[in-house]
Protein backbone atom coordinates (compact mmCIF):
# COMPACT_ATOMS: atom_id res chain seq x y z
CA MET A 1 -33.36 31.90 8.29
CA THR A 2 -33.22 30.14 4.45
CA VAL A 3 -34.60 32.55 1.43
CA LEU A 4 -35.73 30.93 -1.40
CA ASN A 5 -34.16 32.01 -4.90
CA LEU A 6 -38.09 31.59 -7.10
CA ILE A 7 -36.63 33.49 -10.22
CA GLU A 8 -35.23 31.00 -12.42
CA ALA A 9 -32.15 31.48 -14.28
CA PRO A 10 -33.27 31.86 -18.11
CA GLU A 11 -32.20 29.28 -20.05
CA ASP A 12 -29.62 29.69 -22.68
CA VAL A 13 -31.97 28.84 -26.09
CA GLY A 14 -28.78 29.54 -28.14
CA PRO A 15 -28.49 31.69 -31.76
CA PRO A 16 -31.81 32.55 -33.29
CA PRO A 17 -32.61 30.42 -36.53
CA PRO A 18 -30.86 31.51 -40.11
CA VAL A 19 -33.52 33.51 -42.05
CA LEU A 20 -33.51 31.01 -44.77
CA GLU A 21 -32.14 27.52 -44.76
CA LEU A 22 -32.11 24.95 -47.42
CA GLN A 23 -30.93 21.59 -45.86
CA GLY A 24 -30.32 19.15 -48.97
CA ALA A 25 -33.49 20.48 -50.53
CA GLY A 26 -33.58 20.57 -54.50
CA ARG A 27 -36.10 20.44 -57.65
CA GLN A 28 -36.24 17.70 -59.65
CA PHE A 29 -39.11 18.20 -62.64
CA PRO A 30 -40.32 15.02 -64.67
CA GLY A 31 -38.80 13.73 -67.65
CA ASP A 32 -36.68 10.90 -68.96
CA PRO A 33 -34.43 11.57 -67.85
CA PRO A 34 -35.65 13.79 -64.71
CA VAL A 35 -34.24 17.25 -65.22
CA HIS A 36 -32.79 18.31 -61.82
CA ALA A 37 -33.05 22.23 -61.96
CA LEU A 38 -31.74 22.26 -58.07
CA HIS A 39 -29.42 19.81 -57.05
CA PRO A 40 -30.09 19.06 -53.64
CA ALA A 41 -28.34 22.08 -51.41
CA ASP A 42 -27.66 23.07 -48.04
CA LEU A 43 -27.76 26.92 -47.58
CA ALA A 44 -28.14 29.01 -44.08
CA VAL A 45 -28.82 32.66 -44.48
CA ALA A 46 -28.60 34.81 -41.11
CA ALA A 47 -30.10 37.76 -40.12
CA GLY A 48 -28.57 41.00 -41.60
CA GLU A 49 -26.76 39.09 -43.96
CA TYR A 50 -26.32 40.55 -47.23
CA LEU A 51 -26.19 37.25 -49.88
CA SER A 52 -25.56 37.20 -54.01
CA VAL A 53 -26.44 34.20 -55.82
CA VAL A 54 -24.69 34.48 -59.19
CA GLY A 55 -25.30 32.23 -62.46
CA PRO A 56 -25.76 32.33 -66.16
CA SER A 57 -29.18 31.86 -67.47
CA GLY A 58 -30.84 28.49 -67.58
CA SER A 59 -28.01 27.78 -64.58
CA GLY A 60 -30.84 27.38 -61.73
CA LYS A 61 -31.24 31.16 -60.69
CA SER A 62 -35.03 31.26 -60.81
CA THR A 63 -35.89 27.79 -59.80
CA LEU A 64 -34.13 28.44 -56.44
CA LEU A 65 -35.67 32.01 -56.26
CA ASN A 66 -38.89 30.36 -56.25
CA LEU A 67 -37.67 27.82 -53.73
CA LEU A 68 -37.00 30.74 -51.73
CA GLY A 69 -39.57 32.55 -52.10
CA LEU A 70 -42.02 29.57 -51.59
CA LEU A 71 -43.96 29.83 -55.04
CA ASP A 72 -42.42 26.37 -55.45
CA MET A 73 -41.51 23.39 -52.90
CA PRO A 74 -38.48 21.34 -53.07
CA THR A 75 -38.78 17.96 -54.86
CA GLU A 76 -36.16 16.69 -51.67
CA GLY A 77 -34.70 17.62 -48.74
CA GLU A 78 -36.33 21.03 -46.17
CA TYR A 79 -36.72 24.76 -46.88
CA LEU A 80 -36.68 26.62 -43.63
CA LEU A 81 -38.10 29.84 -42.95
CA ASP A 82 -36.96 31.55 -39.52
CA GLY A 83 -36.63 28.20 -38.38
CA ILE A 84 -40.48 26.62 -39.49
CA PRO A 85 -40.16 24.22 -41.81
CA THR A 86 -42.41 24.30 -45.40
CA SER A 87 -42.20 21.08 -47.33
CA ASP A 88 -45.23 20.19 -45.99
CA ALA A 89 -47.08 23.60 -46.04
CA GLY A 90 -50.00 24.09 -47.58
CA GLU A 91 -50.85 27.42 -50.12
CA ARG A 92 -52.60 29.16 -47.85
CA GLU A 93 -49.73 28.72 -45.77
CA ARG A 94 -47.16 29.59 -47.53
CA ALA A 95 -48.81 32.82 -48.79
CA ALA A 96 -48.99 33.94 -44.76
CA LEU A 97 -45.68 33.06 -44.37
CA ARG A 98 -44.55 35.11 -48.02
CA ALA A 99 -46.78 38.10 -46.69
CA GLY A 100 -45.49 38.32 -43.17
CA HIS A 101 -41.74 37.16 -44.06
CA ILE A 102 -40.65 38.10 -47.53
CA GLY A 103 -40.41 40.96 -49.61
CA PHE A 104 -39.96 40.77 -53.79
CA VAL A 105 -38.02 42.89 -56.12
CA PHE A 106 -38.07 41.49 -59.64
CA GLN A 107 -36.13 43.25 -62.99
CA SER A 108 -39.77 44.08 -64.35
CA PHE A 109 -40.82 46.46 -61.44
CA HIS A 110 -44.39 45.01 -61.78
CA LEU A 111 -45.91 48.45 -60.48
CA MET A 112 -49.54 49.08 -61.46
CA PRO A 113 -49.62 51.78 -64.28
CA HIS A 114 -52.42 53.57 -63.59
CA ARG A 115 -52.03 54.16 -59.55
CA THR A 116 -49.62 56.45 -58.13
CA VAL A 117 -46.20 55.57 -56.69
CA LEU A 118 -48.04 56.15 -53.23
CA GLU A 119 -50.95 53.68 -54.28
CA ASN A 120 -48.76 51.06 -55.59
CA VAL A 121 -47.16 50.99 -51.90
CA LEU A 122 -50.34 51.29 -49.84
CA LEU A 123 -51.52 47.85 -51.58
CA ALA A 124 -48.99 45.80 -50.60
CA THR A 125 -50.08 46.73 -46.98
CA LEU A 126 -53.30 44.93 -47.63
CA TYR A 127 -51.60 41.46 -48.25
CA SER A 128 -48.86 41.93 -45.25
CA GLY A 129 -50.73 42.34 -41.82
CA VAL A 130 -49.98 46.39 -41.56
CA PRO A 131 -52.96 47.65 -39.06
CA ARG A 132 -55.21 49.99 -41.44
CA SER A 133 -54.37 52.58 -39.22
CA GLU A 134 -50.66 52.71 -39.74
CA ARG A 135 -50.70 51.92 -43.89
CA ARG A 136 -50.28 55.26 -45.00
CA ASP A 137 -47.90 56.39 -42.59
CA ARG A 138 -45.29 53.08 -43.32
CA ALA A 139 -45.92 54.12 -46.91
CA LEU A 140 -44.67 57.12 -46.86
CA ALA A 141 -41.67 56.40 -44.28
CA ALA A 142 -41.06 53.44 -46.85
CA LEU A 143 -41.24 56.25 -49.90
CA GLU A 144 -38.89 58.90 -47.70
CA ARG A 145 -36.32 55.83 -47.09
CA VAL A 146 -35.86 55.16 -50.96
CA GLY A 147 -35.41 58.69 -52.02
CA LEU A 148 -39.33 59.14 -53.57
CA SER A 149 -41.13 61.59 -51.01
CA HIS A 150 -41.29 63.59 -54.05
CA ARG A 151 -43.09 61.66 -56.33
CA ILE A 152 -45.60 60.18 -54.55
CA ASP A 153 -48.20 61.59 -56.66
CA PHE A 154 -46.87 60.22 -59.72
CA VAL A 155 -47.85 57.13 -61.71
CA PRO A 156 -44.71 54.66 -62.89
CA THR A 157 -45.07 55.96 -66.38
CA LEU A 158 -43.76 59.33 -65.50
CA LEU A 159 -40.67 57.83 -63.59
CA SER A 160 -37.00 56.61 -64.76
CA GLY A 161 -36.13 53.40 -64.62
CA GLY A 162 -34.19 53.80 -61.43
CA GLU A 163 -37.18 55.66 -59.89
CA ARG A 164 -39.62 52.89 -60.72
CA GLN A 165 -37.30 50.18 -58.88
CA ARG A 166 -36.82 52.62 -56.03
CA ALA A 167 -40.61 52.14 -56.12
CA ALA A 168 -40.45 48.75 -56.37
CA VAL A 169 -38.07 48.42 -53.22
CA ALA A 170 -40.19 51.09 -51.01
CA ARG A 171 -43.08 48.51 -51.53
CA ALA A 172 -41.17 45.36 -50.58
CA VAL A 173 -39.91 46.64 -47.54
CA VAL A 174 -43.00 48.62 -46.60
CA SER A 175 -44.12 45.61 -44.19
CA GLN A 176 -40.82 44.88 -42.81
CA PRO A 177 -40.29 41.66 -44.20
CA ARG A 178 -37.48 39.51 -42.58
CA VAL A 179 -35.51 39.53 -45.76
CA LEU A 180 -35.67 41.09 -49.17
CA LEU A 181 -35.43 38.73 -52.11
CA ALA A 182 -34.31 40.33 -55.33
CA ASP A 183 -34.27 39.01 -58.60
CA GLU A 184 -31.73 40.70 -61.72
CA PRO A 185 -32.79 43.93 -59.56
CA THR A 186 -30.62 46.04 -61.67
CA GLY A 187 -31.22 43.91 -65.31
CA ASN A 188 -33.70 47.03 -66.70
CA LEU A 189 -31.48 49.62 -65.67
CA ASP A 190 -28.51 51.70 -66.98
CA SER A 191 -25.19 51.52 -65.18
CA GLU A 192 -25.96 55.26 -63.46
CA SER A 193 -29.22 53.90 -61.66
CA SER A 194 -27.94 50.32 -61.20
CA ALA A 195 -25.26 51.86 -58.67
CA GLY A 196 -28.19 54.40 -57.11
CA VAL A 197 -30.20 51.09 -56.62
CA LEU A 198 -27.44 49.07 -55.16
CA ASP A 199 -26.12 51.79 -53.10
CA LEU A 200 -29.77 51.73 -51.44
CA PHE A 201 -29.40 47.82 -51.22
CA ASP A 202 -26.07 49.03 -49.22
CA GLU A 203 -27.91 51.37 -47.27
CA LEU A 204 -30.68 48.63 -46.24
CA HIS A 205 -28.16 46.45 -45.44
CA ALA A 206 -26.62 48.62 -42.98
CA ALA A 207 -29.59 49.58 -41.13
CA GLY A 208 -30.37 45.54 -40.94
CA LEU A 209 -32.22 44.10 -43.13
CA THR A 210 -31.61 40.72 -44.52
CA LEU A 211 -30.96 40.64 -48.48
CA LEU A 212 -30.16 37.81 -50.72
CA VAL A 213 -29.60 39.18 -54.66
CA ILE A 214 -29.86 37.22 -57.42
CA THR A 215 -27.89 38.01 -60.43
CA HIS A 216 -25.94 36.96 -64.26
CA ASP A 217 -23.93 40.19 -63.24
CA ASP A 218 -20.47 39.57 -61.51
CA GLU A 219 -20.61 43.34 -60.55
CA VAL A 220 -23.85 43.59 -58.71
CA SER A 221 -22.66 40.27 -56.87
CA ALA A 222 -19.62 41.62 -55.83
CA ARG A 223 -21.16 44.12 -53.76
CA ALA A 224 -22.41 41.25 -51.60
CA GLN A 225 -20.44 40.90 -48.14
CA ARG A 226 -20.61 36.66 -49.22
CA ARG A 227 -21.61 35.04 -52.18
CA VAL A 228 -22.81 31.99 -53.96
CA ARG A 229 -22.60 30.90 -57.45
CA ILE A 230 -25.00 28.37 -59.01
CA ALA A 231 -24.55 26.17 -62.47
CA ASP A 232 -26.10 23.44 -63.87
CA GLY A 233 -28.18 23.53 -60.81
CA TYR A 234 -25.50 23.27 -58.61
CA LEU A 235 -24.52 25.60 -55.56
CA ARG A 236 -21.28 26.31 -54.42
CA GLU A 237 -19.81 29.55 -52.16
CA ILE A 238 -17.82 31.44 -53.63
CA ALA A 239 -14.14 32.15 -51.46
């Protein structure tokens, strides 16, 4: 008697797509002649990578950040987020992708000054789909993760610069994003606070978070496992 094997072997689906991927993506602004803020570029960032993009002021760093963060759209090529093409996505679709996939950290912190640290982090959960029943626990866990559990009832004006940036990092990771985009995260910090924030990034990366840090500082850039330089709108890998 022949026994039929009705359980099919799983298909080999291959490796997961990059978390972030530019495919000939560029950004051009109209003019005579047109201004190429970002020349067509290919870039792939795998899950769990720590990539830095280093370049001087005016090199195209902000344009690149805006594209990667879905705050702007390429005028040519394609940008895929977790394998999802975004060039034809509407504003609502891009907003949903941002909320579900990307955490942001900026040079200027962007904390609400009259809200406590805990409230600032809780506000981020409102827009990222975190269930109401989990919001407070998630916020407290994020603040514990960045070493600010003793400052939850403080307002940002009572914190040091390093503590404010840690609060901003907690806000960025509370929704458990796929990638953290950091724009000049140490630009407003002294050397000791900068080192503390970079140590925190190392810890987040070691825990599996994908990081992309945009900076003008070669020392900050060197903390990443992989580096890319941008100059005059051109991206080049650093060996």
